[in-house]
Each structure stands twice: as structure tokens, then as C-alpha cells.
Protein backbone atom coordinates (compact mmCIF):
# COMPACT_ATOMS: atom_id res chain seq x y z
CA MET A 1 -62.92 105.70 -139.07
CA ASN A 2 -64.77 108.22 -141.21
CA ALA A 3 -68.49 108.46 -141.87
CA PHE A 4 -69.54 105.35 -139.96
CA SER A 5 -73.30 104.69 -139.95
CA LEU A 6 -75.95 102.10 -139.27
CA VAL A 7 -78.64 102.25 -141.97
CA ASN A 8 -82.05 100.57 -141.97
CA LEU A 9 -81.96 97.64 -144.39
CA LYS A 10 -84.22 98.32 -147.41
CA GLU A 11 -84.92 96.69 -150.76
CA GLN A 12 -82.81 99.29 -152.56
CA HIS A 13 -79.73 97.79 -150.85
CA ALA A 14 -80.23 94.27 -152.23
CA ASP A 15 -77.76 94.46 -155.14
CA GLU A 16 -74.91 95.93 -153.10
CA LEU A 17 -75.54 93.62 -150.15
CA PHE A 18 -75.62 90.51 -152.32
CA SER A 19 -72.43 91.63 -154.08
CA LEU A 20 -70.69 91.98 -150.70
CA ILE A 21 -71.84 88.50 -149.69
CA GLU A 22 -70.58 87.08 -153.00
CA LYS A 23 -67.16 88.70 -152.59
CA ASN A 24 -66.88 87.36 -149.04
CA ARG A 25 -68.63 84.00 -149.46
CA SER A 26 -65.72 81.72 -148.50
CA PHE A 27 -64.83 83.92 -145.51
CA LEU A 28 -68.43 84.27 -144.25
CA ARG A 29 -69.35 80.60 -144.57
CA LYS A 30 -66.78 79.71 -141.89
CA HIS A 31 -69.08 81.13 -139.22
CA LEU A 32 -72.53 81.79 -140.73
CA PRO A 33 -75.09 79.11 -141.64
CA TRP A 34 -77.09 81.14 -144.20
CA VAL A 35 -74.28 81.94 -146.65
CA ASP A 36 -74.60 78.87 -148.88
CA SER A 37 -78.35 79.34 -149.25
CA THR A 38 -77.99 82.99 -150.33
CA ARG A 39 -77.58 82.58 -154.08
CA SER A 40 -79.17 85.58 -155.81
CA VAL A 41 -80.24 89.19 -155.57
CA ALA A 42 -83.84 87.91 -155.69
CA GLN A 43 -83.25 85.84 -152.53
CA THR A 44 -81.63 88.84 -150.88
CA LYS A 45 -84.74 90.90 -151.72
CA GLU A 46 -86.96 88.19 -150.22
CA PHE A 47 -84.87 88.29 -147.06
CA ILE A 48 -85.15 92.08 -146.89
CA TYR A 49 -88.92 91.82 -147.35
CA SER A 50 -89.21 89.27 -144.54
CA VAL A 51 -87.12 91.32 -142.10
CA SER A 52 -89.14 94.41 -142.99
CA ARG A 53 -92.22 92.57 -141.73
CA LEU A 54 -90.37 91.62 -138.54
CA ARG A 55 -89.49 95.31 -138.01
CA ILE A 56 -93.15 96.33 -138.38
CA GLU A 57 -94.09 93.63 -135.84
CA GLY A 58 -91.32 94.81 -133.47
CA ARG A 59 -89.64 91.40 -133.47
CA ALA A 60 -86.33 92.22 -135.22
CA PHE A 61 -84.40 95.22 -136.52
CA PHE A 62 -81.79 94.86 -139.27
CA TYR A 63 -79.18 97.45 -140.17
CA LEU A 64 -76.40 97.81 -142.68
CA ILE A 65 -72.98 98.72 -141.36
CA CYS A 66 -71.65 101.43 -143.68
CA ILE A 67 -68.38 103.30 -143.93
CA GLU A 68 -68.42 106.37 -146.14
CA GLY A 69 -71.68 105.13 -147.69
CA GLU A 70 -70.30 101.70 -148.59
CA ILE A 71 -71.93 98.60 -147.09
CA VAL A 72 -69.32 96.60 -145.14
CA GLY A 73 -71.60 94.28 -143.15
CA THR A 74 -74.86 93.93 -141.25
CA ILE A 75 -76.00 93.94 -137.65
CA SER A 76 -79.38 93.09 -136.20
CA ILE A 77 -81.46 92.91 -133.08
CA ASN A 78 -83.28 89.56 -133.32
CA ASN A 79 -85.86 87.48 -131.48
CA VAL A 80 -87.26 90.37 -129.46
CA ARG A 81 -89.30 88.89 -126.61
CA ASN A 82 -90.16 90.37 -123.22
CA MET A 83 -87.64 93.18 -123.77
CA GLU A 84 -84.85 90.65 -124.31
CA SER A 85 -83.08 90.06 -127.60
CA SER A 86 -80.07 88.65 -129.38
CA ILE A 87 -77.62 90.50 -131.60
CA SER A 88 -76.10 89.14 -134.80
CA TYR A 89 -73.46 90.78 -136.97
CA TRP A 90 -70.90 90.23 -139.68
CA VAL A 91 -68.43 92.39 -141.54
CA SER A 92 -66.51 91.82 -144.75
CA GLU A 93 -63.12 90.17 -144.50
CA LYS A 94 -61.26 93.38 -145.26
CA HIS A 95 -63.03 95.09 -142.34
CA ILE A 96 -62.26 92.57 -139.59
CA ASN A 97 -59.94 93.55 -136.74
CA LEU A 98 -60.50 97.26 -137.43
CA GLY A 99 -63.10 97.88 -134.72
CA VAL A 100 -65.97 98.11 -137.21
CA ALA A 101 -68.07 95.32 -135.69
CA THR A 102 -67.40 96.61 -132.17
CA ARG A 103 -68.49 100.10 -133.14
CA ALA A 104 -71.65 98.70 -134.77
CA CYS A 105 -72.37 96.53 -131.73
CA ARG A 106 -71.99 99.49 -129.37
CA GLY A 107 -74.39 101.46 -131.59
CA ILE A 108 -76.93 98.64 -131.46
CA VAL A 109 -76.66 98.54 -127.67
CA VAL A 110 -77.64 102.23 -127.59
CA LEU A 111 -80.60 101.53 -129.91
CA ALA A 112 -81.67 98.61 -127.72
CA LYS A 113 -81.55 100.83 -124.61
CA ASN A 114 -83.69 103.39 -126.44
CA MET A 115 -86.19 100.61 -127.14
CA ALA A 116 -86.28 99.84 -123.39
CA MET A 117 -84.73 96.40 -123.81
CA THR A 118 -83.32 94.94 -120.62
CA LYS A 119 -81.13 92.02 -121.75
CA LEU A 120 -79.07 91.31 -124.86
CA LYS A 121 -77.29 88.14 -125.95
CA ILE A 122 -74.57 87.38 -128.48
CA SER A 123 -73.90 83.78 -129.53
CA CYS A 124 -70.79 82.91 -131.49
CA ALA A 125 -68.73 79.92 -132.45
CA LYS A 126 -66.14 78.91 -129.88
CA GLY A 127 -63.53 79.15 -132.64
CA ASN A 128 -64.59 82.66 -133.69
CA VAL A 129 -62.22 84.62 -131.45
CA ALA A 130 -62.80 87.89 -133.34
CA SER A 131 -66.53 87.75 -132.58
CA GLN A 132 -65.84 86.94 -128.93
CA LYS A 133 -63.64 90.07 -128.74
CA VAL A 134 -66.43 92.15 -130.27
CA ALA A 135 -68.83 90.94 -127.57
CA ILE A 136 -66.40 91.67 -124.74
CA ASN A 137 -65.31 95.04 -126.16
CA SER A 138 -68.98 96.01 -126.46
CA GLY A 139 -69.63 95.44 -122.76
CA PHE A 140 -70.95 91.87 -122.87
CA SER A 141 -69.76 89.23 -120.41
CA TYR A 142 -69.22 85.54 -121.05
CA SER A 143 -72.29 83.68 -119.80
CA HIS A 144 -71.99 80.00 -120.72
CA GLU A 145 -71.43 77.47 -123.44
CA GLY A 146 -74.58 77.23 -125.53
CA GLU A 147 -76.03 74.30 -127.41
CA ARG A 148 -73.93 72.90 -130.22
CA VAL A 149 -75.15 73.81 -133.70
CA ILE A 150 -74.55 72.41 -137.16
CA LEU A 151 -72.48 74.61 -139.48
CA ASN A 152 -71.53 73.34 -142.92
CA GLY A 153 -72.36 69.78 -141.92
CA GLU A 154 -70.33 69.76 -138.69
CA TYR A 155 -71.26 70.33 -135.07
CA ILE A 156 -69.62 73.38 -133.52
CA ASP A 157 -69.50 74.64 -129.96
CA VAL A 158 -71.22 77.97 -129.26
CA LEU A 159 -70.41 80.51 -126.55
CA GLU A 160 -72.98 82.94 -125.20
CA PHE A 161 -72.29 86.46 -123.99
CA ARG A 162 -74.85 88.60 -122.15
CA LEU A 163 -75.40 92.24 -121.32
CA GLU A 164 -77.98 93.58 -118.84
CA LEU A 165 -79.13 97.07 -119.74
CA PRO A 166 -79.99 99.67 -117.09
């Protein structure tokens, strides 16, 4: 995979990011609750502004997953508390099962270690086998079944994976 990078999410990325979401809307909505409420570049800019504040406060860190300069997804360190955090990610449909999300997740683990975090968590839908593989291939271990959540009007089961950092 050539020229893989994680890039800090900034306002200048709003148009390209929203376009990627639009192109992948039906695919992404299967597993992500925010897709239907993301309806414009302006909303994407508002989101970027809000996560920029979280970065300044040290509570979350959002990155674009890029291949050869093209945005193919996002990954983030969220809910930073007491040196523990959760990781969220998604990649476009044409980039699933290519190791892109795993590579991004491994990169985020390195960043988290550099931030002196001690524990990371990934939560994913029980039916999202690809995301479960990303967690396992990134060094996470299955922890337990989490609380059920509502996605597109239906309750889904959630699995949690954890990684303790040295």
C-alpha cells in the first residue's frame, strides 16, 4: 500500500470528506449512527470545528486515513479519560478487506502509547465481522458483550475489544 498516512482533520478537508461520506452513505449507515444526520458540507465543517476543540482540550484526536493523498476514511481516539480511551474508525467500501483500517488502527495505537495512554477500547456491532478482525489484527482482545445500542431504529448487539498498553 503506497503513501499511507494519518492526517489531522482540518476544515480544509470538509468538502472531500463529505463527498466520501456521500459516495459511501448506504454502506456506512449499516454500522454507523451518524451517517443519516450528516447532510451537508456545512455540517461536516461544524463537526470538524467541534473535534478541533476536543483536540485542544485533550479529550479526542481525529485523523483522516489517506492513501496517496486521497481520503479513504477516518480514525479517532475518543473519550480520553484517566489515560484510557476508545478508538473509532471507518473506511470507504472500496477500501475494506485491504488492511487499511488495520494499518490505521495500529498507527493510532502507537500515537496513544506516545500520549502515555494505558488502555484502549474498540466497540463494534456483533454483525460487523470486518471491524472485529481489525480489532484483533491490531492487538486487541475480545473483552465482553457491551450494552445494546440503537442503529437505524433497531437494537444491535455490541462487542468490546480491549488493549492494555505498556
